[in-house]
Every structure is written in structure tokens, then in C-alpha cells.
Amino acid sequence: MAKSKEKVECQYCGKMYSPQGLGSHEAACSDNPENAEPTETPKKKEVKDDIRLGYGNVADKPLKYQVMHAQKRKRELAQYYKTQEKIEVNISPMYKPYFGKSMAISLNGIPIYVPCDNQRYKIPKSYAMEVAARIARVDAQINRQTRMANVSKNFDGGQLGSLDLIQKV
């Protein structure tokens, strides 16, 4: 089969092409209005709030910039905790099996360590509230263990449901 020597003109740019190649060229022709790139793309307004860094829209910034803002935020938080009202706390040595030699408390990435040595320490109010909450949880755990360990008191004596092992709070 002999190839056809006829050439057909592109309707967009006017160049001559073989009938077999004309369809491909017209689909990709730069003068084709369907292939024209828009001169101005409407930008979508994205609202990004990176809560971890506390500085709004920094997620699309370079990593160096994000780290710089994270460090700045950490310094500001440290200053905030330093100026916060101080409250005296003490942690009994009885809690060493639960917390170790000192209780590590970290709020927003800023840690402090309060020794479990029954001495009073002044710490920021936010940290003091966390110390009190942790001690209360350990106390509740100890009370549950003590209540469940008292086997003679936990004997129901034949009446089902007469024991109050689980109490409403």
C-alpha cells in the first residue's frame, strides 16, 4: 500500500500535515483555543491553621521557617509559664513507685520535674493543677486496690448483689 503524498492544512496554524498526523497535531496545536493556558488562575483562599505551632498558615513554608516559628512559640510559652502565678506543691515519697524519683510534667512541650521528696516547691499554676490531678488518679487507684484486696469484707454471704464493690461517683 502506497503512502499518500497529499498534505492537509491545520485549521489553527495553517501548517501542512499528512491526513494521518493532522488529528494529533490539531489536538496539541499551540494555536488551538482549547489548549490555551489561562492568563490568570483564580487562587483559592485556603485557611490553614497549624495548631501545633500556634502561628497560623506556616505549613506551606520551608521547614527552616516552620522550625524558627516553633522555637519562637516555645520561648513565648516558657515566658508565659514563668510569669504565671506560682503555687506550692509537695509530692510524698510514697508516690515514687508511680512517678519515679521526680514527676515529669510537660505542657505544650515545656517540661518541668518535681522531685518526690516531700519538700515544698513553687511551680506555675498550670503545672500544679496537673500534679494534683495525677496524684488524685494514683490515690483513686490505690483506694480501688485496697477495697478489692479486703477479701473478708468482700464476701457477700449468700446474697447476690449485697456487696458495693463498684461505687457511683
Protein backbone atom coordinates (compact mmCIF):
# COMPACT_ATOMS: atom_id res chain seq x y z
CA MET A 1 0.00 0.00 0.00
CA ALA A 2 1.46 3.29 -1.09
CA LYS A 3 1.56 6.22 1.22
CA SER A 4 -0.49 9.22 0.23
CA LYS A 5 1.57 12.33 -0.61
CA GLU A 6 -1.34 14.67 -0.01
CA LYS A 7 -0.96 17.27 2.72
CA VAL A 8 -3.78 18.87 4.66
CA GLU A 9 -3.66 22.30 6.28
CA CYS A 10 -4.13 22.72 10.05
CA GLN A 11 -7.19 24.85 10.71
CA TYR A 12 -5.48 26.65 13.63
CA CYS A 13 -1.93 27.42 12.50
CA GLY A 14 -2.09 26.81 8.71
CA LYS A 15 0.85 24.37 8.56
CA MET A 16 0.62 21.38 6.24
CA TYR A 17 0.42 17.83 7.64
CA SER A 18 -0.40 14.37 6.34
CA PRO A 19 -4.01 13.29 6.89
CA GLN A 20 -2.89 10.65 9.41
CA GLY A 21 -0.96 13.17 11.57
CA LEU A 22 -3.37 16.10 11.29
CA GLY A 23 -5.67 14.93 14.12
CA SER A 24 -2.78 14.56 16.57
CA HIS A 25 -1.33 17.93 15.61
CA GLU A 26 -4.63 19.79 15.94
CA ALA A 27 -5.22 18.27 19.39
CA ALA A 28 -1.80 19.56 20.52
CA CYS A 29 -1.54 22.71 18.40
CA SER A 30 -0.50 25.77 20.42
CA ASP A 31 -2.91 27.96 18.41
CA ASN A 32 -5.88 25.72 19.36
CA PRO A 33 -8.07 27.75 21.78
CA GLU A 34 -8.76 24.59 23.82
CA ASN A 35 -5.02 24.32 24.56
CA ALA A 36 -4.55 27.96 25.57
CA GLU A 37 -3.43 28.39 29.16
CA PRO A 38 -5.44 30.81 31.22
CA THR A 39 -3.50 34.01 31.76
CA GLU A 40 -4.61 34.39 35.35
CA THR A 41 -5.62 31.46 37.51
CA PRO A 42 -8.01 32.29 40.31
CA LYS A 43 -6.33 31.47 43.59
CA LYS A 44 -8.30 29.55 46.15
CA LYS A 45 -8.05 31.04 49.55
CA GLU A 46 -7.03 28.23 51.84
CA VAL A 47 -7.31 28.68 55.54
CA LYS A 48 -4.63 26.65 57.23
CA ASP A 49 -4.09 26.80 60.93
CA ASP A 50 -1.20 24.79 62.25
CA ILE A 51 -2.26 24.46 65.87
CA ARG A 52 0.94 22.67 66.88
CA LEU A 53 2.99 25.76 66.07
CA GLY A 54 0.37 28.31 67.04
CA TYR A 55 1.24 30.63 64.16
CA GLY A 56 -1.49 30.12 61.59
CA ASN A 57 -0.50 29.44 58.00
CA VAL A 58 3.09 28.15 58.15
CA ALA A 59 2.51 24.60 56.89
CA ASP A 60 3.35 25.58 53.30
CA LYS A 61 6.52 27.46 54.31
CA PRO A 62 10.01 25.90 54.20
CA LEU A 63 10.95 23.65 57.11
CA LYS A 64 13.55 26.13 58.38
CA TYR A 65 10.82 28.76 58.68
CA GLN A 66 8.49 26.33 60.49
CA VAL A 67 11.22 25.38 62.97
CA MET A 68 12.01 29.05 63.61
CA HIS A 69 8.35 29.75 64.39
CA ALA A 70 8.06 26.65 66.60
CA GLN A 71 11.08 27.76 68.61
CA LYS A 72 9.67 31.27 68.94
CA ARG A 73 6.34 29.85 70.13
CA LYS A 74 8.13 27.65 72.66
CA ARG A 75 10.06 30.66 74.05
CA GLU A 76 6.82 32.63 74.35
CA LEU A 77 5.12 29.77 76.19
CA ALA A 78 8.09 29.39 78.53
CA GLN A 79 7.86 33.11 79.32
CA TYR A 80 4.11 32.76 79.90
CA TYR A 81 4.64 29.93 82.39
CA LYS A 82 7.41 31.87 84.16
CA THR A 83 5.10 34.82 84.74
CA GLN A 84 2.15 32.65 85.79
CA GLU A 85 1.09 32.55 89.44
CA LYS A 86 3.22 30.13 91.48
CA ILE A 87 1.61 27.52 93.74
CA GLU A 88 3.33 25.40 96.38
CA VAL A 89 3.21 21.64 95.84
CA ASN A 90 4.83 18.70 97.52
CA ILE A 91 4.88 15.08 96.41
CA SER A 92 5.24 12.37 99.01
CA PRO A 93 7.94 9.70 98.58
CA MET A 94 5.05 7.22 98.69
CA TYR A 95 4.43 8.08 95.00
CA LYS A 96 7.95 7.10 93.85
CA PRO A 97 6.75 3.69 92.55
CA TYR A 98 4.27 5.55 90.32
CA PHE A 99 6.28 8.59 89.19
CA GLY A 100 9.93 7.72 89.85
CA LYS A 101 12.30 9.99 91.76
CA SER A 102 10.63 13.01 90.22
CA MET A 103 7.37 13.65 88.39
CA ALA A 104 7.96 14.86 84.85
CA ILE A 105 5.26 17.26 83.69
CA SER A 106 5.24 18.60 80.13
CA LEU A 107 2.72 21.19 78.99
CA ASN A 108 2.89 22.35 75.37
CA GLY A 109 6.39 20.90 75.04
CA ILE A 110 7.80 22.70 78.10
CA PRO A 111 8.80 20.16 80.77
CA ILE A 112 9.45 20.59 84.47
CA TYR A 113 10.47 17.97 87.00
CA VAL A 114 9.14 17.98 90.57
CA PRO A 115 11.05 15.70 93.00
CA CYS A 116 9.07 13.19 95.08
CA ASP A 117 10.84 14.08 98.34
CA ASN A 118 8.03 15.66 100.43
CA GLN A 119 9.56 19.14 100.17
CA ARG A 120 7.56 22.15 99.00
CA TYR A 121 8.23 23.61 95.56
CA LYS A 122 6.66 26.64 93.92
CA ILE A 123 5.61 25.84 90.37
CA PRO A 124 3.32 27.59 87.85
CA LYS A 125 -0.41 27.11 88.41
CA SER A 126 -0.93 25.09 85.19
CA TYR A 127 1.69 22.56 86.26
CA ALA A 128 0.37 22.47 89.83
CA MET A 129 -3.09 21.55 88.55
CA GLU A 130 -1.56 18.66 86.59
CA VAL A 131 0.38 17.48 89.67
CA ALA A 132 -2.84 17.47 91.73
CA ALA A 133 -4.73 15.58 89.01
CA ARG A 134 -2.03 12.91 88.73
CA ILE A 135 -1.86 12.44 92.49
CA ALA A 136 -5.66 12.14 92.62
CA ARG A 137 -5.60 9.43 89.92
CA VAL A 138 -2.95 7.44 91.80
CA ASP A 139 -4.92 7.83 95.05
CA ALA A 140 -8.06 6.52 93.36
CA GLN A 141 -6.10 3.56 92.00
CA ILE A 142 -4.68 2.76 95.46
CA ASN A 143 -8.16 3.01 97.03
CA ARG A 144 -9.61 0.60 94.45
CA GLN A 145 -6.80 -1.87 95.07
CA THR A 146 -7.29 -1.64 98.84
CA ARG A 147 -11.04 -2.09 98.57
CA MET A 148 -10.73 -5.10 96.26
CA ALA A 149 -7.95 -6.68 98.36
CA ASN A 150 -10.11 -6.84 101.51
CA VAL A 151 -11.41 -10.35 100.81
CA SER A 152 -13.16 -10.87 104.16
CA LYS A 153 -15.23 -7.72 103.68
CA ASN A 154 -15.91 -8.58 100.05
CA PHE A 155 -17.59 -11.90 100.95
CA ASP A 156 -21.26 -11.50 100.08
CA GLY A 157 -22.59 -14.16 102.49
CA GLY A 158 -25.05 -15.69 100.08
CA GLN A 159 -26.99 -12.65 98.92
CA LEU A 160 -26.08 -11.74 95.40
CA GLY A 161 -25.56 -8.05 94.84
CA SER A 162 -25.19 -7.21 98.52
CA LEU A 163 -21.62 -6.01 98.04
CA ASP A 164 -20.88 -2.49 96.92
CA LEU A 165 -17.62 -3.14 95.09
CA ILE A 166 -18.31 -0.65 92.32
CA GLN A 167 -19.41 2.72 93.58
CA LYS A 168 -21.03 5.53 91.64
CA VAL A 169 -19.05 8.70 91.58
